[in-house]
Amino acid sequence: MKPIWCLVLGMIVFVSHVCGATTWKSVVLHSVEGAAMGGCAIGDLDATSPGNETAVVDDRGEVWMVKWSGNSWVPECIHKSPGEMIMCAIGDVSAASPGNEFVGAGMKEGEESSRGGGGMATLVYREGNEWKSRPIFQDTHLLHGVTIGDVSAKHPGNEVITCGFNHKVTLLCEENGEWISETIYVANNRQKVLTVGDVLPEHEGDEIIVVGTDGNATVLWEGNLGWCHEVIFYDLAGQSRVTIGDRGVLIGGDKGKITLATREEGRWYTETIGRDSRKIRGVVITDLDLEFPGTEAYTCGYSGRVMQFNCTDKGLWSFTTLHEEDKPLHHLLLGEFFPGNSTSELLTCGHGGRLIMVYPEK
């Protein structure tokens, strides 16, 4: 079926009918000509507007917040860094400012491909009518991943967790107005991204899962004597993306393989549920399409495609392409940020400099 293009509220909308039942729409929320967008985030970042906003970072060091206002998507540049930003997160991590904050990870100066600039994590927050920022951590190499969660009993509230090209996972938290850091894991190679969730029933609270160029997906947790780790999955190819859902842990690899890991009776079991033609750069596992029973998997990557993977009652996985870009996609998230839709939405961005919402229209 050929795609149908139309113009809605000044934004380009791509409409495709999938499996004869669900209509999927794609809307460009924001575009920056000539920029490559690395990561995006969803959360209530602006207390002056209702609901959640979206945020996206690019290789120019720009942080854009995009929100639905009135009847259109409104972008606002809330920070400009001297170095490329790769990934970002939204959450309540600082007592110094009300509500949630934005944390971006990337280079201290220059682009990811440059050398010698080091890595930096930056906090962006709203104070009155102004957006302010401060660096909260600097490293010797690029910081490629960042997430937010309550993973340490030693610190009240949420922590910021980063990983990067120095092979380390670092825990950051604010104490008495100052940011302190603790290295909690050192891998054998570059670490790409991480996420937080409850995947170990025998451990109280949430854990961290990190993936990297060493081919490992590793779960980290704070034990009585310090930080512990366990390898969930290993592959000869680098692992580049990870997420957690009610079906298990979904892992995306540099060779295009999508792996589902589940834990049963204290052991991890994995299965390959599908492949893309190029590197995976975003994974989501959720029940978003009501036409299919149970949970679906969603991915994006260097192929430029947002793909849906469904499991049949016989345990076989099939896929459908929901959206396609001319240039590589670099991140994929799930959240609720569009008041005009009754379900959650997918959010993706990439090297084409476009922030895109993909969702099923009921």
Protein backbone atom coordinates (compact mmCIF):
# COMPACT_ATOMS: atom_id res chain seq x y z
CA MET A 1 0.00 0.00 0.00
CA LYS A 2 1.35 3.42 -0.93
CA PRO A 3 1.71 5.98 1.86
CA ILE A 4 -0.68 8.88 2.07
CA TRP A 5 0.79 12.30 2.82
CA CYS A 6 -1.23 15.19 4.14
CA LEU A 7 -0.74 18.42 6.09
CA VAL A 8 -2.27 18.74 9.56
CA LEU A 9 -1.77 21.89 11.67
CA GLY A 10 1.37 22.81 9.74
CA MET A 11 3.00 19.40 10.36
CA ILE A 12 3.63 16.56 7.92
CA VAL A 13 1.54 13.49 8.70
CA PHE A 14 2.22 10.04 7.25
CA VAL A 15 -0.72 7.63 7.33
CA SER A 16 -0.50 3.89 6.67
CA HIS A 17 -2.98 1.09 7.25
CA VAL A 18 -1.39 -1.91 8.96
CA CYS A 19 -2.81 -5.45 8.84
CA GLY A 20 -6.10 -4.06 7.56
CA ALA A 21 -7.19 -2.97 11.03
CA THR A 22 -5.04 -0.39 12.80
CA THR A 23 -4.32 2.99 11.26
CA TRP A 24 -0.89 4.29 12.24
CA LYS A 25 -0.03 7.96 11.96
CA SER A 26 3.35 9.68 12.01
CA VAL A 27 3.66 13.38 12.81
CA VAL A 28 6.81 15.49 12.64
CA LEU A 29 6.81 17.47 15.89
CA HIS A 30 9.99 19.42 15.20
CA SER A 31 12.79 19.52 12.64
CA VAL A 32 16.22 21.15 12.58
CA GLU A 33 17.76 21.38 9.12
CA GLY A 34 21.27 19.98 8.95
CA ALA A 35 21.25 18.59 12.48
CA ALA A 36 21.46 14.98 13.63
CA MET A 37 19.24 14.20 16.62
CA GLY A 38 20.65 11.60 19.00
CA GLY A 39 18.15 11.01 21.79
CA CYS A 40 14.76 12.08 23.05
CA ALA A 41 12.85 12.03 26.35
CA ILE A 42 9.26 12.26 27.59
CA GLY A 43 8.17 13.80 30.88
CA ASP A 44 6.58 16.71 32.72
CA LEU A 45 9.43 19.16 32.26
CA ASP A 46 7.48 22.43 32.14
CA ALA A 47 5.25 22.98 35.18
CA THR A 48 3.57 25.94 33.45
CA SER A 49 1.88 23.66 30.91
CA PRO A 50 -0.35 20.61 31.56
CA GLY A 51 0.80 17.07 30.94
CA ASN A 52 4.07 15.79 29.56
CA GLU A 53 6.42 17.42 27.12
CA THR A 54 9.00 15.90 24.79
CA ALA A 55 12.67 16.84 24.59
CA VAL A 56 15.34 16.06 22.03
CA VAL A 57 19.11 16.66 21.74
CA ASP A 58 21.31 17.03 18.68
CA ASP A 59 24.91 17.15 17.48
CA ARG A 60 24.92 20.94 17.76
CA GLY A 61 24.53 20.69 21.52
CA GLU A 62 20.96 22.01 21.38
CA VAL A 63 18.23 20.88 23.74
CA TRP A 64 14.72 21.36 22.35
CA MET A 65 11.56 21.03 24.39
CA VAL A 66 8.45 20.44 22.26
CA LYS A 67 4.94 20.61 23.69
CA TRP A 68 1.35 20.59 22.49
CA SER A 69 -0.10 24.07 22.96
CA GLY A 70 -3.54 25.08 21.71
CA ASN A 71 -3.70 23.18 18.43
CA SER A 72 -0.05 22.85 17.40
CA TRP A 73 3.37 21.61 18.47
CA VAL A 74 5.55 24.39 19.87
CA PRO A 75 9.36 23.95 20.04
CA GLU A 76 11.61 25.90 22.41
CA CYS A 77 15.40 25.72 22.63
CA ILE A 78 16.06 25.51 26.39
CA HIS A 79 19.83 24.97 26.34
CA LYS A 80 22.88 25.14 24.06
CA SER A 81 25.94 23.11 24.98
CA PRO A 82 29.46 23.49 23.51
CA GLY A 83 29.51 19.74 22.89
CA GLU A 84 27.27 17.27 21.06
CA MET A 85 24.54 15.69 23.17
CA ILE A 86 23.74 12.04 22.50
CA MET A 87 21.08 10.96 25.00
CA CYS A 88 18.79 12.55 27.60
CA ALA A 89 16.33 11.85 30.39
CA ILE A 90 13.65 13.69 32.40
CA GLY A 91 13.00 13.16 36.11
CA ASP A 92 13.08 14.63 39.61
CA VAL A 93 16.75 14.55 40.60
CA SER A 94 17.45 17.89 42.30
CA ALA A 95 16.04 19.41 45.47
CA ALA A 96 17.28 22.80 44.34
CA SER A 97 14.50 23.21 41.76
CA PRO A 98 10.81 22.25 41.88
CA GLY A 99 9.43 19.45 39.74
CA ASN A 100 11.40 17.53 37.16
CA GLU A 101 14.71 18.34 35.56
CA PHE A 102 16.35 17.46 32.24
CA VAL A 103 19.69 15.65 32.10
CA GLY A 104 21.66 15.44 28.86
CA ALA A 105 24.76 13.32 28.18
CA GLY A 106 27.38 13.76 25.50
CA MET A 107 30.62 15.59 24.79
CA LYS A 108 32.15 18.38 26.82
CA GLU A 109 33.18 20.03 23.55
CA GLY A 110 32.86 19.15 19.88
CA GLU A 111 31.18 16.19 18.22
CA GLU A 112 31.15 12.50 19.11
CA SER A 113 33.76 11.81 16.42
CA SER A 114 36.23 14.34 17.88
CA ARG A 115 38.92 13.30 20.36
CA GLY A 116 40.17 14.84 23.55
CA GLY A 117 37.03 16.73 24.46
CA GLY A 118 35.85 14.37 27.16
CA GLY A 119 32.29 13.64 28.24
CA MET A 120 29.81 15.71 30.21
CA ALA A 121 26.39 15.36 31.84
CA THR A 122 24.35 18.57 32.04
CA LEU A 123 21.38 19.44 34.23
CA VAL A 124 18.76 21.81 32.74
CA TYR A 125 15.97 23.17 34.91
CA ARG A 126 13.40 25.95 35.00
CA GLU A 127 13.73 28.77 37.51
CA GLY A 128 10.83 31.20 37.27
CA ASN A 129 10.50 32.11 33.60
CA GLU A 130 14.09 31.20 32.72
CA TRP A 131 15.85 27.97 31.79
CA LYS A 132 19.14 27.44 33.58
CA SER A 133 21.81 24.76 33.37
CA ARG A 134 24.87 23.43 35.10
CA PRO A 135 27.33 20.60 34.43
CA ILE A 136 26.94 17.84 37.03
CA PHE A 137 29.63 15.40 35.85
CA GLN A 138 32.63 15.33 33.51
CA ASP A 139 34.48 12.28 32.26
CA THR A 140 37.53 11.44 30.18
CA HIS A 141 35.46 10.06 27.28
CA LEU A 142 32.08 10.59 25.65
CA LEU A 143 29.05 9.92 27.85
CA HIS A 144 26.66 8.02 25.59
CA GLY A 145 23.83 6.91 27.89
CA VAL A 146 21.84 8.45 30.74
CA THR A 147 18.80 7.41 32.75
CA ILE A 148 17.07 8.35 36.00
CA GLY A 149 15.77 6.11 38.79
CA ASP A 150 15.87 5.23 42.47
CA VAL A 151 18.45 2.43 42.52
CA SER A 152 20.49 3.14 45.68
CA ALA A 153 19.30 2.90 49.28
CA LYS A 154 22.21 5.09 50.35
CA HIS A 155 20.69 8.17 48.71
CA PRO A 156 17.11 9.43 49.14
CA GLY A 157 15.09 9.82 45.95
CA ASN A 158 16.27 9.40 42.39
CA GLU A 159 19.79 9.15 41.05
CA VAL A 160 21.22 9.91 37.62
CA ILE A 161 23.04 6.98 36.03
CA THR A 162 25.39 7.45 33.08
CA CYS A 163 27.57 5.23 30.93
CA GLY A 164 30.00 5.88 28.15
CA PHE A 165 33.09 5.22 26.13
CA ASN A 166 35.38 4.90 29.17
CA HIS A 167 33.65 1.53 29.78
CA LYS A 168 32.16 2.73 33.09
CA VAL A 169 28.70 3.05 34.64
CA THR A 170 28.56 6.02 37.02
CA LEU A 171 25.99 6.87 39.68
CA LEU A 172 25.36 10.60 40.25
CA CYS A 173 23.39 12.18 43.06
CA GLU A 174 22.95 15.58 44.66
CA GLU A 175 24.03 16.01 48.28
CA ASN A 176 23.79 19.37 50.02
CA GLY A 177 23.62 21.19 46.71
CA GLU A 178 26.69 19.44 45.25
CA TRP A 179 26.81 16.55 42.78
CA ILE A 180 28.87 13.51 43.73
CA SER A 181 29.77 10.55 41.53
CA GLU A 182 30.48 6.87 42.14
CA THR A 183 31.74 4.31 39.63
CA ILE A 184 29.56 1.24 40.11
CA TYR A 185 30.65 -0.94 37.18
CA VAL A 186 33.55 -1.21 34.72
CA ALA A 187 32.96 -3.21 31.54
CA ASN A 188 35.33 -4.58 28.89
CA ASN A 189 34.39 -2.06 26.23
CA ARG A 190 32.28 1.01 25.46
CA GLN A 191 28.88 1.15 27.13
CA LYS A 192 26.03 2.55 25.04
CA VAL A 193 22.76 2.95 26.97
CA LEU A 194 21.08 1.91 30.19
CA THR A 195 17.64 1.71 31.74
CA VAL A 196 16.08 1.16 35.17
CA GLY A 197 13.42 -1.35 36.18
CA ASP A 198 12.53 -4.29 38.40
CA VAL A 199 13.90 -7.43 36.71
CA LEU A 200 15.22 -9.44 39.69
CA PRO A 201 12.37 -10.70 41.93
CA GLU A 202 14.88 -11.79 44.57
CA HIS A 203 16.23 -8.23 44.94
CA GLU A 204 14.11 -5.50 46.50
CA GLY A 205 13.69 -2.38 44.39
CA ASP A 206 14.83 -1.51 40.88
CA GLU A 207 17.96 -2.55 39.02
CA ILE A 208 20.02 -1.06 36.19
CA ILE A 209 20.47 -2.80 32.85
CA VAL A 210 23.33 -1.60 30.62
CA VAL A 211 24.40 -2.72 27.12
CA GLY A 212 27.59 -2.06 25.21
CA THR A 213 30.09 -2.79 22.50
CA ASP A 214 31.39 -5.79 24.47
CA GLY A 215 28.21 -7.61 23.40
CA ASN A 216 26.83 -7.87 26.92
CA ALA A 217 23.51 -6.93 28.44
CA THR A 218 24.28 -6.67 32.15
CA VAL A 219 22.04 -6.14 35.18
CA LEU A 220 23.47 -4.15 38.11
CA TRP A 221 22.09 -3.91 41.64
CA GLU A 222 23.18 -2.62 45.01
CA GLY A 223 23.84 -5.48 47.42
CA ASN A 224 24.63 -5.45 51.11
CA LEU A 225 28.39 -5.33 50.42
CA GLY A 226 28.38 -3.13 47.33
CA TRP A 227 27.34 -3.20 43.69
CA CYS A 228 26.78 -6.56 42.02
CA HIS A 229 26.36 -7.51 38.37
CA GLU A 230 25.14 -10.42 36.25
CA VAL A 231 25.32 -10.87 32.47
CA ILE A 232 21.83 -11.39 31.04
CA PHE A 233 22.87 -11.96 27.45
CA TYR A 234 26.03 -12.06 25.34
CA ASP A 235 26.53 -11.84 21.60
CA LEU A 236 29.59 -11.39 19.38
CA ALA A 237 28.01 -8.22 18.01
CA GLY A 238 27.77 -5.10 20.13
CA GLN A 239 24.50 -4.46 21.94
CA SER A 240 23.20 -0.92 21.55
CA ARG A 241 19.71 -0.52 23.05
CA VAL A 242 17.68 -2.01 25.91
CA THR A 243 14.27 -1.60 27.52
CA ILE A 244 12.10 -3.39 30.09
CA GLY A 245 8.48 -4.47 29.74
CA ASP A 246 6.00 -6.92 31.23
CA ARG A 247 7.20 -9.60 28.80
CA GLY A 248 10.87 -9.26 29.74
CA VAL A 249 13.99 -7.36 28.66
CA LEU A 250 14.21 -6.34 25.00
CA ILE A 251 17.72 -5.90 23.57
CA GLY A 252 18.75 -4.42 20.21
CA GLY A 253 22.10 -5.18 18.57
CA ASP A 254 24.54 -3.60 16.14
CA LYS A 255 23.94 -6.42 13.65
CA GLY A 256 20.20 -5.75 13.60
CA LYS A 257 19.19 -8.61 15.90
CA ILE A 258 16.36 -8.14 18.42
CA THR A 259 16.58 -10.36 21.51
CA LEU A 260 13.99 -10.97 24.22
CA ALA A 261 15.36 -12.05 27.61
CA THR A 262 13.14 -13.49 30.34
CA ARG A 263 13.97 -14.68 33.84
CA GLU A 264 12.57 -17.92 35.20
CA GLU A 265 13.54 -19.64 38.46
CA GLY A 266 16.68 -17.57 38.84
CA ARG A 267 17.96 -18.05 35.26
CA TRP A 268 17.90 -15.93 32.12
CA TYR A 269 16.51 -17.33 28.86
CA THR A 270 16.80 -15.55 25.51
CA GLU A 271 15.23 -15.81 22.07
CA THR A 272 15.74 -13.91 18.83
CA ILE A 273 12.38 -12.41 17.88
CA GLY A 274 13.41 -10.62 14.69
CA ARG A 275 16.01 -8.71 12.72
CA ASP A 276 16.41 -5.44 10.89
CA SER A 277 18.76 -4.91 7.98
CA ARG A 278 21.03 -2.49 9.89
CA LYS A 279 21.93 -1.45 13.45
CA ILE A 280 19.16 -1.24 16.03
CA ARG A 281 18.95 2.11 17.77
CA GLY A 282 15.67 1.95 19.66
CA VAL A 283 13.55 -0.71 21.38
CA VAL A 284 10.14 -0.60 23.09
CA ILE A 285 8.02 -3.45 24.47
CA THR A 286 4.37 -2.71 25.25
CA ASP A 287 0.74 -3.51 24.40
CA LEU A 288 0.03 -0.55 22.12
CA ASP A 289 -1.84 -2.16 19.23
CA LEU A 290 -5.19 -3.47 20.45
CA GLU A 291 -5.67 -5.51 17.28
CA PHE A 292 -3.06 -7.97 18.56
CA PRO A 293 -3.42 -9.88 21.83
CA GLY A 294 -0.67 -9.34 24.40
CA THR A 295 2.53 -7.36 24.06
CA GLU A 296 4.24 -6.16 20.90
CA ALA A 297 7.87 -5.15 20.35
CA TYR A 298 8.83 -1.97 18.49
CA THR A 299 12.24 -1.04 17.11
CA CYS A 300 14.01 1.59 15.06
CA GLY A 301 17.51 1.90 13.69
CA TYR A 302 19.87 2.77 10.90
CA SER A 303 17.47 1.31 8.34
CA GLY A 304 15.29 4.35 9.03
CA ARG A 305 12.33 2.12 9.87
CA VAL A 306 10.06 1.97 12.90
CA MET A 307 9.01 -1.69 13.05
CA GLN A 308 6.41 -3.65 14.99
CA PHE A 309 7.00 -7.29 15.96
CA ASN A 310 4.07 -9.52 16.96
CA CYS A 311 4.05 -13.01 18.42
CA THR A 312 1.41 -15.46 17.17
CA ASP A 313 -0.35 -18.02 19.36
CA LYS A 314 2.14 -20.57 17.98
CA GLY A 315 5.09 -18.57 19.29
CA LEU A 316 6.21 -17.25 15.89
CA TRP A 317 7.17 -13.58 15.44
CA SER A 318 6.21 -11.47 12.42
CA PHE A 319 6.93 -7.82 11.66
CA THR A 320 5.37 -4.79 10.02
CA THR A 321 6.96 -1.46 9.09
CA LEU A 322 5.01 1.42 10.64
CA HIS A 323 7.14 4.36 9.49
CA GLU A 324 10.21 4.91 7.35
CA GLU A 325 12.76 7.74 7.08
CA ASP A 326 15.41 8.43 4.43
CA LYS A 327 18.11 8.67 7.12
CA PRO A 328 19.01 6.55 10.17
CA LEU A 329 16.87 6.71 13.29
CA HIS A 330 18.71 6.85 16.64
CA HIS A 331 16.17 6.51 19.49
CA LEU A 332 12.68 5.19 20.24
CA LEU A 333 10.54 5.80 23.34
CA LEU A 334 7.02 5.17 24.60
CA GLY A 335 4.97 7.74 26.55
CA GLU A 336 1.87 9.89 26.76
CA PHE A 337 2.36 13.44 25.52
CA PHE A 338 -0.34 14.11 22.89
CA PRO A 339 -3.73 15.10 24.37
CA GLY A 340 -5.41 14.44 21.03
CA ASN A 341 -4.77 10.70 21.25
CA SER A 342 -6.35 8.17 23.61
CA THR A 343 -3.36 5.80 23.74
CA SER A 344 0.34 6.14 24.41
CA GLU A 345 2.59 7.30 21.60
CA LEU A 346 5.97 6.29 20.19
CA LEU A 347 8.61 9.00 19.88
CA THR A 348 11.62 8.70 17.59
CA CYS A 349 14.37 10.90 16.18
CA GLY A 350 17.49 10.52 14.08
CA HIS A 351 20.10 11.79 11.68
CA GLY A 352 17.53 13.52 9.52
CA GLY A 353 16.98 16.11 12.26
CA ARG A 354 13.29 15.25 12.78
CA LEU A 355 11.44 14.48 16.01
CA ILE A 356 8.54 12.19 15.09
CA MET A 357 5.48 10.85 16.88
CA VAL A 358 4.09 7.48 15.73
CA TYR A 359 0.80 6.22 17.16
CA PRO A 360 -2.23 4.07 16.38
CA GLU A 361 -5.34 6.09 15.58
CA LYS A 362 -8.43 4.44 17.04
